PDB file of all heavy atoms in Angstrom:
ATOM      1  N   TRP A   1       0.883  -1.189  -0.020  1.00  0.00           N
ATOM      2  CA  TRP A   1       0.010   0.013   0.006  1.00  0.00           C
ATOM      3  C   TRP A   1       0.915   1.245   0.048  1.00  0.00           C
ATOM      4  O   TRP A   1       1.787   1.334   0.836  1.00  0.00           O
ATOM      5  CB  TRP A   1      -0.907   0.008   1.237  1.00  0.00           C
ATOM      6  CG  TRP A   1      -1.420   1.307   1.670  1.00  0.00           C
ATOM      7  CD1 TRP A   1      -1.716   2.405   0.890  1.00  0.00           C
ATOM      8  CD2 TRP A   1      -1.580   1.818   3.056  1.00  0.00           C
ATOM      9  NE1 TRP A   1      -2.048   3.508   1.665  1.00  0.00           N
ATOM     10  CE2 TRP A   1      -1.959   3.151   2.993  1.00  0.00           C
ATOM     11  CE3 TRP A   1      -1.393   1.213   4.292  1.00  0.00           C
ATOM     12  CZ2 TRP A   1      -2.253   3.878   4.168  1.00  0.00           C
ATOM     13  CZ3 TRP A   1      -1.630   1.903   5.408  1.00  0.00           C
ATOM     14  CH2 TRP A   1      -2.064   3.251   5.364  1.00  0.00           C
ATOM     15  N   PHE A   2       0.591   2.124  -0.905  1.00  0.00           N
ATOM     16  CA  PHE A   2       1.353   3.362  -1.035  1.00  0.00           C
ATOM     17  C   PHE A   2       0.575   4.561  -0.486  1.00  0.00           C
ATOM     18  O   PHE A   2      -0.547   4.798  -0.927  1.00  0.00           O
ATOM     19  CB  PHE A   2       1.701   3.663  -2.525  1.00  0.00           C
ATOM     20  CG  PHE A   2       2.698   2.700  -3.074  1.00  0.00           C
ATOM     21  CD1 PHE A   2       2.310   1.522  -3.697  1.00  0.00           C
ATOM     22  CD2 PHE A   2       4.060   2.980  -3.044  1.00  0.00           C
ATOM     23  CE1 PHE A   2       3.251   0.629  -4.223  1.00  0.00           C
ATOM     24  CE2 PHE A   2       4.971   2.104  -3.555  1.00  0.00           C
ATOM     25  CZ  PHE A   2       4.569   0.920  -4.133  1.00  0.00           C
ATOM     26  N   SER A   3       1.184   5.298   0.397  1.00  0.00           N
ATOM     27  CA  SER A   3       0.644   6.615   0.733  1.00  0.00           C
ATOM     28  C   SER A   3       0.740   7.494  -0.531  1.00  0.00           C
ATOM     29  O   SER A   3       1.468   7.203  -1.439  1.00  0.00           O
ATOM     30  CB  SER A   3       1.401   7.217   1.957  1.00  0.00           C
ATOM     31  OG  SER A   3       1.151   6.501   3.127  1.00  0.00           O
ATOM     32  N   PRO A   4       0.072   8.640  -0.541  1.00  0.00           N
ATOM     33  CA  PRO A   4      -0.182   9.335  -1.800  1.00  0.00           C
ATOM     34  C   PRO A   4       1.111   9.770  -2.493  1.00  0.00           C
ATOM     35  O   PRO A   4       2.041  10.232  -1.859  1.00  0.00           O
ATOM     36  CB  PRO A   4      -0.949  10.564  -1.398  1.00  0.00           C
ATOM     37  CG  PRO A   4      -1.748  10.121  -0.156  1.00  0.00           C
ATOM     38  CD  PRO A   4      -0.763   9.237   0.542  1.00  0.00           C
ATOM     39  N   PHE A   5       1.097   9.605  -3.829  1.00  0.00           N
ATOM     40  CA  PHE A   5       2.185  10.103  -4.674  1.00  0.00           C
ATOM     41  C   PHE A   5       1.655  10.996  -5.765  1.00  0.00           C
ATOM     42  O   PHE A   5       2.356  11.308  -6.770  1.00  0.00           O
ATOM     43  CB  PHE A   5       3.019   8.937  -5.252  1.00  0.00           C
ATOM     44  CG  PHE A   5       2.156   7.776  -5.803  1.00  0.00           C
ATOM     45  CD1 PHE A   5       1.042   7.987  -6.656  1.00  0.00           C
ATOM     46  CD2 PHE A   5       2.492   6.476  -5.488  1.00  0.00           C
ATOM     47  CE1 PHE A   5       0.361   6.960  -7.160  1.00  0.00           C
ATOM     48  CE2 PHE A   5       1.793   5.399  -6.002  1.00  0.00           C
ATOM     49  CZ  PHE A   5       0.699   5.640  -6.829  1.00  0.00           C
ATOM     50  N   TYR A   6       0.422  11.482  -5.563  1.00  0.00           N
ATOM     51  CA  TYR A   6      -0.185  12.334  -6.608  1.00  0.00           C
ATOM     52  C   TYR A   6       0.413  13.755  -6.595  1.00  0.00           C
ATOM     53  O   TYR A   6       1.052  14.153  -5.665  1.00  0.00           O
ATOM     54  CB  TYR A   6      -1.765  12.491  -6.379  1.00  0.00           C
ATOM     55  CG  TYR A   6      -2.432  11.223  -6.123  1.00  0.00           C
ATOM     56  CD1 TYR A   6      -2.955  10.876  -4.883  1.00  0.00           C
ATOM     57  CD2 TYR A   6      -2.643  10.304  -7.180  1.00  0.00           C
ATOM     58  CE1 TYR A   6      -3.608   9.656  -4.648  1.00  0.00           C
ATOM     59  CE2 TYR A   6      -3.371   9.129  -6.976  1.00  0.00           C
ATOM     60  CZ  TYR A   6      -3.867   8.814  -5.716  1.00  0.00           C
ATOM     61  OH  TYR A   6      -4.503   7.628  -5.528  1.00  0.00           O
ATOM     62  N   LYS A   7       0.144  14.486  -7.664  1.00  0.00           N
ATOM     63  CA  LYS A   7       0.557  15.850  -7.775  1.00  0.00           C
ATOM     64  C   LYS A   7      -0.021  16.664  -6.587  1.00  0.00           C
ATOM     65  O   LYS A   7      -1.233  16.563  -6.350  1.00  0.00           O
ATOM     66  CB  LYS A   7       0.113  16.475  -9.121  1.00  0.00           C
ATOM     67  CG  LYS A   7       0.660  17.867  -9.293  1.00  0.00           C
ATOM     68  CD  LYS A   7       0.247  18.383 -10.714  1.00  0.00           C
ATOM     69  CE  LYS A   7       0.816  19.807 -10.956  1.00  0.00           C
ATOM     70  NZ  LYS A   7       0.427  20.336 -12.299  1.00  0.00           N
ATOM     71  N   SER A   8       0.836  17.372  -5.905  1.00  0.00           N
ATOM     72  CA  SER A   8       0.435  17.975  -4.642  1.00  0.00           C
ATOM     73  C   SER A   8       1.442  19.035  -4.237  1.00  0.00           C
ATOM     74  O   SER A   8       2.627  18.911  -4.490  1.00  0.00           O
ATOM     75  CB  SER A   8       0.374  16.925  -3.535  1.00  0.00           C
ATOM     76  OG  SER A   8       0.296  17.514  -2.264  1.00  0.00           O
ATOM     77  N   PRO A   9       0.970  20.168  -3.619  1.00  0.00           N
ATOM     78  CA  PRO A   9       1.911  21.167  -3.048  1.00  0.00           C
ATOM     79  C   PRO A   9       2.612  20.609  -1.709  1.00  0.00           C
ATOM     80  O   PRO A   9       3.400  21.305  -1.144  1.00  0.00           O
ATOM     81  CB  PRO A   9       1.060  22.342  -2.751  1.00  0.00           C
ATOM     82  CG  PRO A   9      -0.322  21.823  -2.640  1.00  0.00           C
ATOM     83  CD  PRO A   9      -0.411  20.625  -3.550  1.00  0.00           C
ATOM     84  N   GLN A  10       2.167  19.452  -1.261  1.00  0.00           N
ATOM     85  CA  GLN A  10       2.818  18.743  -0.131  1.00  0.00           C
ATOM     86  C   GLN A  10       2.588  19.504   1.184  1.00  0.00           C
ATOM     87  O   GLN A  10       3.448  19.451   2.050  1.00  0.00           O
ATOM     88  CB  GLN A  10       4.298  18.585  -0.447  1.00  0.00           C
ATOM     89  CG  GLN A  10       4.618  17.734  -1.683  1.00  0.00           C
ATOM     90  CD  GLN A  10       4.087  16.301  -1.633  1.00  0.00           C
ATOM     91  OE1 GLN A  10       4.311  15.642  -0.566  1.00  0.00           O
ATOM     92  NE2 GLN A  10       3.539  15.805  -2.704  1.00  0.00           N
ATOM     93  N   ALA A  11       1.537  20.181   1.344  1.00  0.00           N
ATOM     94  CA  ALA A  11       1.188  20.805   2.652  1.00  0.00           C
ATOM     95  C   ALA A  11       0.984  19.806   3.755  1.00  0.00           C
ATOM     96  O   ALA A  11       1.267  20.079   4.914  1.00  0.00           O
ATOM     97  CB  ALA A  11      -0.022  21.700   2.483  1.00  0.00           C
ATOM     98  N   ASP A  12       0.475  18.635   3.368  1.00  0.00           N
ATOM     99  CA  ASP A  12       0.244  17.549   4.258  1.00  0.00           C
ATOM    100  C   ASP A  12       0.800  16.232   3.716  1.00  0.00           C
ATOM    101  O   ASP A  12       0.197  15.234   3.661  1.00  0.00           O
ATOM    102  CB  ASP A  12      -1.183  17.364   4.634  1.00  0.00           C
ATOM    103  CG  ASP A  12      -1.486  16.288   5.724  1.00  0.00           C
ATOM    104  OD1 ASP A  12      -0.524  15.996   6.489  1.00  0.00           O
ATOM    105  OD2 ASP A  12      -2.589  15.731   5.715  1.00  0.00           O
ATOM    106  N   ALA A  13       2.079  16.368   3.244  1.00  0.00           N
ATOM    107  CA  ALA A  13       2.857  15.229   2.742  1.00  0.00           C
ATOM    108  C   ALA A  13       2.068  14.445   1.674  1.00  0.00           C
ATOM    109  O   ALA A  13       2.075  13.219   1.669  1.00  0.00           O
ATOM    110  CB  ALA A  13       3.336  14.355   3.842  1.00  0.00           C
ATOM    111  N   GLY A  14       1.388  15.116   0.800  1.00  0.00           N
ATOM    112  CA  GLY A  14       0.666  14.479  -0.337  1.00  0.00           C
ATOM    113  C   GLY A  14      -0.793  14.220  -0.052  1.00  0.00           C
ATOM    114  O   GLY A  14      -1.493  13.779  -1.007  1.00  0.00           O
ATOM    115  N   TYR A  15      -1.305  14.369   1.115  1.00  0.00           N
ATOM    116  CA  TYR A  15      -2.710  14.157   1.448  1.00  0.00           C
ATOM    117  C   TYR A  15      -3.528  15.375   1.046  1.00  0.00           C
ATOM    118  O   TYR A  15      -4.720  15.479   1.374  1.00  0.00           O
ATOM    119  CB  TYR A  15      -2.929  13.744   2.885  1.00  0.00           C
ATOM    120  CG  TYR A  15      -2.613  12.263   3.108  1.00  0.00           C
ATOM    121  CD1 TYR A  15      -1.331  11.852   3.492  1.00  0.00           C
ATOM    122  CD2 TYR A  15      -3.524  11.286   2.864  1.00  0.00           C
ATOM    123  CE1 TYR A  15      -1.022  10.529   3.676  1.00  0.00           C
ATOM    124  CE2 TYR A  15      -3.258   9.950   3.055  1.00  0.00           C
ATOM    125  CZ  TYR A  15      -2.011   9.600   3.391  1.00  0.00           C
ATOM    126  OH  TYR A  15      -1.648   8.229   3.591  1.00  0.00           O
ATOM    127  N   ASP A  16      -2.858  16.331   0.439  1.00  0.00           N
ATOM    128  CA  ASP A  16      -3.531  17.501  -0.168  1.00  0.00           C
ATOM    129  C   ASP A  16      -3.318  17.382  -1.677  1.00  0.00           C
ATOM    130  O   ASP A  16      -2.275  17.807  -2.222  1.00  0.00           O
ATOM    131  CB  ASP A  16      -2.932  18.780   0.359  1.00  0.00           C
ATOM    132  CG  ASP A  16      -1.440  18.817   0.314  1.00  0.00           C
ATOM    133  OD1 ASP A  16      -0.763  17.797   0.646  1.00  0.00           O
ATOM    134  OD2 ASP A  16      -0.818  19.860  -0.027  1.00  0.00           O
ATOM    135  N   VAL A  17      -4.256  16.746  -2.345  1.00  0.00           N
ATOM    136  CA  VAL A  17      -4.082  16.345  -3.763  1.00  0.00           C
ATOM    137  C   VAL A  17      -4.558  17.473  -4.727  1.00  0.00           C
ATOM    138  O   VAL A  17      -5.651  17.979  -4.641  1.00  0.00           O
ATOM    139  CB  VAL A  17      -4.871  15.060  -4.062  1.00  0.00           C
ATOM    140  CG1 VAL A  17      -4.679  14.697  -5.528  1.00  0.00           C
ATOM    141  CG2 VAL A  17      -4.415  13.955  -3.165  1.00  0.00           C
ATOM    142  N   ALA A  18      -3.635  17.870  -5.606  1.00  0.00           N
ATOM    143  CA  ALA A  18      -3.915  18.830  -6.629  1.00  0.00           C
ATOM    144  C   ALA A  18      -4.394  18.183  -7.959  1.00  0.00           C
ATOM    145  O   ALA A  18      -5.153  18.863  -8.761  1.00  0.00           O
ATOM    146  CB  ALA A  18      -2.732  19.761  -6.877  1.00  0.00           C
ATOM    147  N   ASP A  19      -3.971  16.982  -8.222  1.00  0.00           N
ATOM    148  CA  ASP A  19      -4.373  16.272  -9.432  1.00  0.00           C
ATOM    149  C   ASP A  19      -4.312  14.775  -9.153  1.00  0.00           C
ATOM    150  O   ASP A  19      -3.228  14.222  -8.942  1.00  0.00           O
ATOM    151  CB  ASP A  19      -3.469  16.585 -10.620  1.00  0.00           C
ATOM    152  CG  ASP A  19      -3.889  16.061 -11.941  1.00  0.00           C
ATOM    153  OD1 ASP A  19      -4.798  15.103 -11.937  1.00  0.00           O
ATOM    154  OD2 ASP A  19      -3.438  16.462 -12.951  1.00  0.00           O
ATOM    155  N   TYR A  20      -5.550  14.143  -9.124  1.00  0.00           N
ATOM    156  CA  TYR A  20      -5.633  12.716  -8.821  1.00  0.00           C
ATOM    157  C   TYR A  20      -5.141  11.845  -9.935  1.00  0.00           C
ATOM    158  O   TYR A  20      -5.097  10.606  -9.685  1.00  0.00           O
ATOM    159  CB  TYR A  20      -7.096  12.392  -8.366  1.00  0.00           C
ATOM    160  CG  TYR A  20      -7.562  13.017  -7.112  1.00  0.00           C
ATOM    161  CD1 TYR A  20      -8.090  14.302  -7.079  1.00  0.00           C
ATOM    162  CD2 TYR A  20      -7.474  12.325  -5.913  1.00  0.00           C
ATOM    163  CE1 TYR A  20      -8.533  14.861  -5.923  1.00  0.00           C
ATOM    164  CE2 TYR A  20      -7.930  12.872  -4.736  1.00  0.00           C
ATOM    165  CZ  TYR A  20      -8.487  14.109  -4.726  1.00  0.00           C
ATOM    166  OH  TYR A  20      -8.912  14.664  -3.585  1.00  0.00           O
ATOM    167  N   ARG A  21      -4.910  12.347 -11.083  1.00  0.00           N
ATOM    168  CA  ARG A  21      -4.583  11.534 -12.221  1.00  0.00           C
ATOM    169  C   ARG A  21      -3.078  11.759 -12.676  1.00  0.00           C
ATOM    170  O   ARG A  21      -2.764  11.383 -13.802  1.00  0.00           O
ATOM    171  CB  ARG A  21      -5.554  11.794 -13.384  1.00  0.00           C
ATOM    172  CG  ARG A  21      -6.984  11.480 -13.074  1.00  0.00           C
ATOM    173  CD  ARG A  21      -7.861  11.797 -14.241  1.00  0.00           C
ATOM    174  NE  ARG A  21      -9.253  11.479 -14.050  1.00  0.00           N
ATOM    175  CZ  ARG A  21     -10.109  12.327 -13.398  1.00  0.00           C
ATOM    176  NH1 ARG A  21      -9.710  13.463 -12.892  1.00  0.00           N
ATOM    177  NH2 ARG A  21     -11.388  11.902 -13.226  1.00  0.00           N
ATOM    178  N   ASP A  22      -2.283  12.311 -11.841  1.00  0.00           N
ATOM    179  CA  ASP A  22      -0.926  12.518 -12.195  1.00  0.00           C
ATOM    180  C   ASP A  22      -0.020  12.322 -11.002  1.00  0.00           C
ATOM    181  O   ASP A  22      -0.453  12.363  -9.854  1.00  0.00           O
ATOM    182  CB  ASP A  22      -0.700  13.915 -12.764  1.00  0.00           C
ATOM    183  CG  ASP A  22       0.522  14.030 -13.632  1.00  0.00           C
ATOM    184  OD1 ASP A  22       1.230  13.076 -13.812  1.00  0.00           O
ATOM    185  OD2 ASP A  22       0.794  15.160 -14.092  1.00  0.00           O
ATOM    186  N   ILE A  23       1.274  12.039 -11.234  1.00  0.00           N
ATOM    187  CA  ILE A  23       2.259  11.778 -10.223  1.00  0.00           C
ATOM    188  C   ILE A  23       2.930  13.102  -9.934  1.00  0.00           C
ATOM    189  O   ILE A  23       3.375  13.838 -10.884  1.00  0.00           O
ATOM    190  CB  ILE A  23       3.228  10.740 -10.625  1.00  0.00           C
ATOM    191  CG1 ILE A  23       2.492   9.420 -11.041  1.00  0.00           C
ATOM    192  CG2 ILE A  23       4.254  10.441  -9.535  1.00  0.00           C
ATOM    193  CD1 ILE A  23       1.728   8.774  -9.944  1.00  0.00           C
ATOM    194  N   ASP A  24       3.224  13.402  -8.644  1.00  0.00           N
ATOM    195  CA  ASP A  24       3.979  14.562  -8.336  1.00  0.00           C
ATOM    196  C   ASP A  24       5.456  14.397  -8.774  1.00  0.00           C
ATOM    197  O   ASP A  24       6.037  13.307  -8.659  1.00  0.00           O
ATOM    198  CB  ASP A  24       4.005  14.826  -6.816  1.00  0.00           C
ATOM    199  CG  ASP A  24       4.480  16.222  -6.517  1.00  0.00           C
ATOM    200  OD1 ASP A  24       5.669  16.425  -6.449  1.00  0.00           O
ATOM    201  OD2 ASP A  24       3.608  17.130  -6.311  1.00  0.00           O
ATOM    202  N   GLY A  25       6.037  15.423  -9.283  1.00  0.00           N
ATOM    203  CA  GLY A  25       7.403  15.369  -9.768  1.00  0.00           C
ATOM    204  C   GLY A  25       8.427  14.943  -8.692  1.00  0.00           C
ATOM    205  O   GLY A  25       9.514  14.408  -9.061  1.00  0.00           O
ATOM    206  N   LEU A  26       8.093  15.128  -7.452  1.00  0.00           N
ATOM    207  CA  LEU A  26       8.978  14.642  -6.399  1.00  0.00           C
ATOM    208  C   LEU A  26       9.168  13.124  -6.501  1.00  0.00           C
ATOM    209  O   LEU A  26      10.275  12.607  -6.150  1.00  0.00           O
ATOM    210  CB  LEU A  26       8.374  14.978  -5.052  1.00  0.00           C
ATOM    211  CG  LEU A  26       8.455  16.401  -4.515  1.00  0.00           C
ATOM    212  CD1 LEU A  26       7.670  16.529  -3.224  1.00  0.00           C
ATOM    213  CD2 LEU A  26       9.902  16.834  -4.316  1.00  0.00           C
ATOM    214  N   PHE A  27       8.129  12.454  -6.911  1.00  0.00           N
ATOM    215  CA  PHE A  27       8.133  10.984  -6.905  1.00  0.00           C
ATOM    216  C   PHE A  27       8.375  10.343  -8.259  1.00  0.00           C
ATOM    217  O   PHE A  27       8.659   9.151  -8.371  1.00  0.00           O
ATOM    218  CB  PHE A  27       6.831  10.437  -6.333  1.00  0.00           C
ATOM    219  CG  PHE A  27       6.474  11.022  -5.021  1.00  0.00           C
ATOM    220  CD1 PHE A  27       5.330  11.730  -4.766  1.00  0.00           C
ATOM    221  CD2 PHE A  27       7.361  10.862  -3.906  1.00  0.00           C
ATOM    222  CE1 PHE A  27       5.022  12.265  -3.541  1.00  0.00           C
ATOM    223  CE2 PHE A  27       7.023  11.388  -2.700  1.00  0.00           C
ATOM    224  CZ  PHE A  27       5.854  12.080  -2.473  1.00  0.00           C
ATOM    225  N   GLY A  28       8.268  11.130  -9.326  1.00  0.00           N
ATOM    226  CA  GLY A  28       8.465  10.561 -10.703  1.00  0.00           C
ATOM    227  C   GLY A  28       7.361  10.980 -11.613  1.00  0.00           C
ATOM    228  O   GLY A  28       6.860  12.064 -11.582  1.00  0.00           O
ATOM    229  N   THR A  29       7.001  10.015 -12.468  1.00  0.00           N
ATOM    230  CA  THR A  29       6.046  10.238 -13.553  1.00  0.00           C
ATOM    231  C   THR A  29       5.038   9.121 -13.617  1.00  0.00           C
ATOM    232  O   THR A  29       5.233   8.069 -12.940  1.00  0.00           O
ATOM    233  CB  THR A  29       6.771  10.326 -14.904  1.00  0.00           C
ATOM    234  OG1 THR A  29       7.310   9.048 -15.203  1.00  0.00           O
ATOM    235  CG2 THR A  29       7.845  11.333 -14.978  1.00  0.00           C
ATOM    236  N   LEU A  30       4.018   9.296 -14.414  1.00  0.00           N
ATOM    237  CA  LEU A  30       3.051   8.190 -14.607  1.00  0.00           C
ATOM    238  C   LEU A  30       3.749   6.948 -15.212  1.00  0.00           C
ATOM    239  O   LEU A  30       3.409   5.827 -14.804  1.00  0.00           O
ATOM    240  CB  LEU A  30       1.872   8.633 -15.524  1.00  0.00           C
ATOM    241  CG  LEU A  30       0.722   9.319 -14.888  1.00  0.00           C
ATOM    242  CD1 LEU A  30      -0.206   9.857 -15.943  1.00  0.00           C
ATOM    243  CD2 LEU A  30      -0.009   8.392 -13.892  1.00  0.00           C
ATOM    244  N   ALA A  31       4.759   7.164 -16.047  1.00  0.00           N
ATOM    245  CA  ALA A  31       5.445   6.058 -16.578  1.00  0.00           C
ATOM    246  C   ALA A  31       6.214   5.284 -15.482  1.00  0.00           C
ATOM    247  O   ALA A  31       6.304   4.060 -15.451  1.00  0.00           O
ATOM    248  CB  ALA A  31       6.433   6.524 -17.659  1.00  0.00           C
ATOM    249  N   ASP A  32       6.754   6.087 -14.521  1.00  0.00           N
ATOM    250  CA  ASP A  32       7.425   5.451 -13.375  1.00  0.00           C
ATOM    251  C   ASP A  32       6.419   4.621 -12.553  1.00  0.00           C
ATOM    252  O   ASP A  32       6.732   3.514 -12.065  1.00  0.00           O
ATOM    253  CB  ASP A  32       8.053   6.484 -12.459  1.00  0.00           C
ATOM    254  CG  ASP A  32       9.272   7.173 -13.150  1.00  0.00           C
ATOM    255  OD1 ASP A  32       9.949   6.550 -13.888  1.00  0.00           O
ATOM    256  OD2 ASP A  32       9.484   8.353 -12.824  1.00  0.00           O
ATOM    257  N   ALA A  33       5.183   5.149 -12.375  1.00  0.00           N
ATOM    258  CA  ALA A  33       4.188   4.422 -11.610  1.00  0.00           C
ATOM    259  C   ALA A  33       3.807   3.091 -12.336  1.00  0.00           C
ATOM    260  O   ALA A  33       3.643   2.105 -11.725  1.00  0.00           O
ATOM    261  CB  ALA A  33       2.971   5.303 -11.428  1.00  0.00           C
ATOM    262  N   ASP A  34       3.648   3.196 -13.647  1.00  0.00           N
ATOM    263  CA  ASP A  34       3.308   2.018 -14.442  1.00  0.00           C
ATOM    264  C   ASP A  34       4.393   0.958 -14.357  1.00  0.00           C
ATOM    265  O   ASP A  34       4.117  -0.219 -14.224  1.00  0.00           O
ATOM    266  CB  ASP A  34       3.081   2.427 -15.932  1.00  0.00           C
ATOM    267  CG  ASP A  34       1.880   3.223 -16.157  1.00  0.00           C
ATOM    268  OD1 ASP A  34       0.897   3.207 -15.231  1.00  0.00           O
ATOM    269  OD2 ASP A  34       1.745   3.886 -17.183  1.00  0.00           O
TER     270      ASP A  34
END
């Protein structure tokens, strides 16, 4: 189980999601997730 890796300003370490369909650049890309 992964805690959030979505696009986020990281005010609450990713539990503040700005885009539910994309990966935050801190963690990589959608290709990295795949």
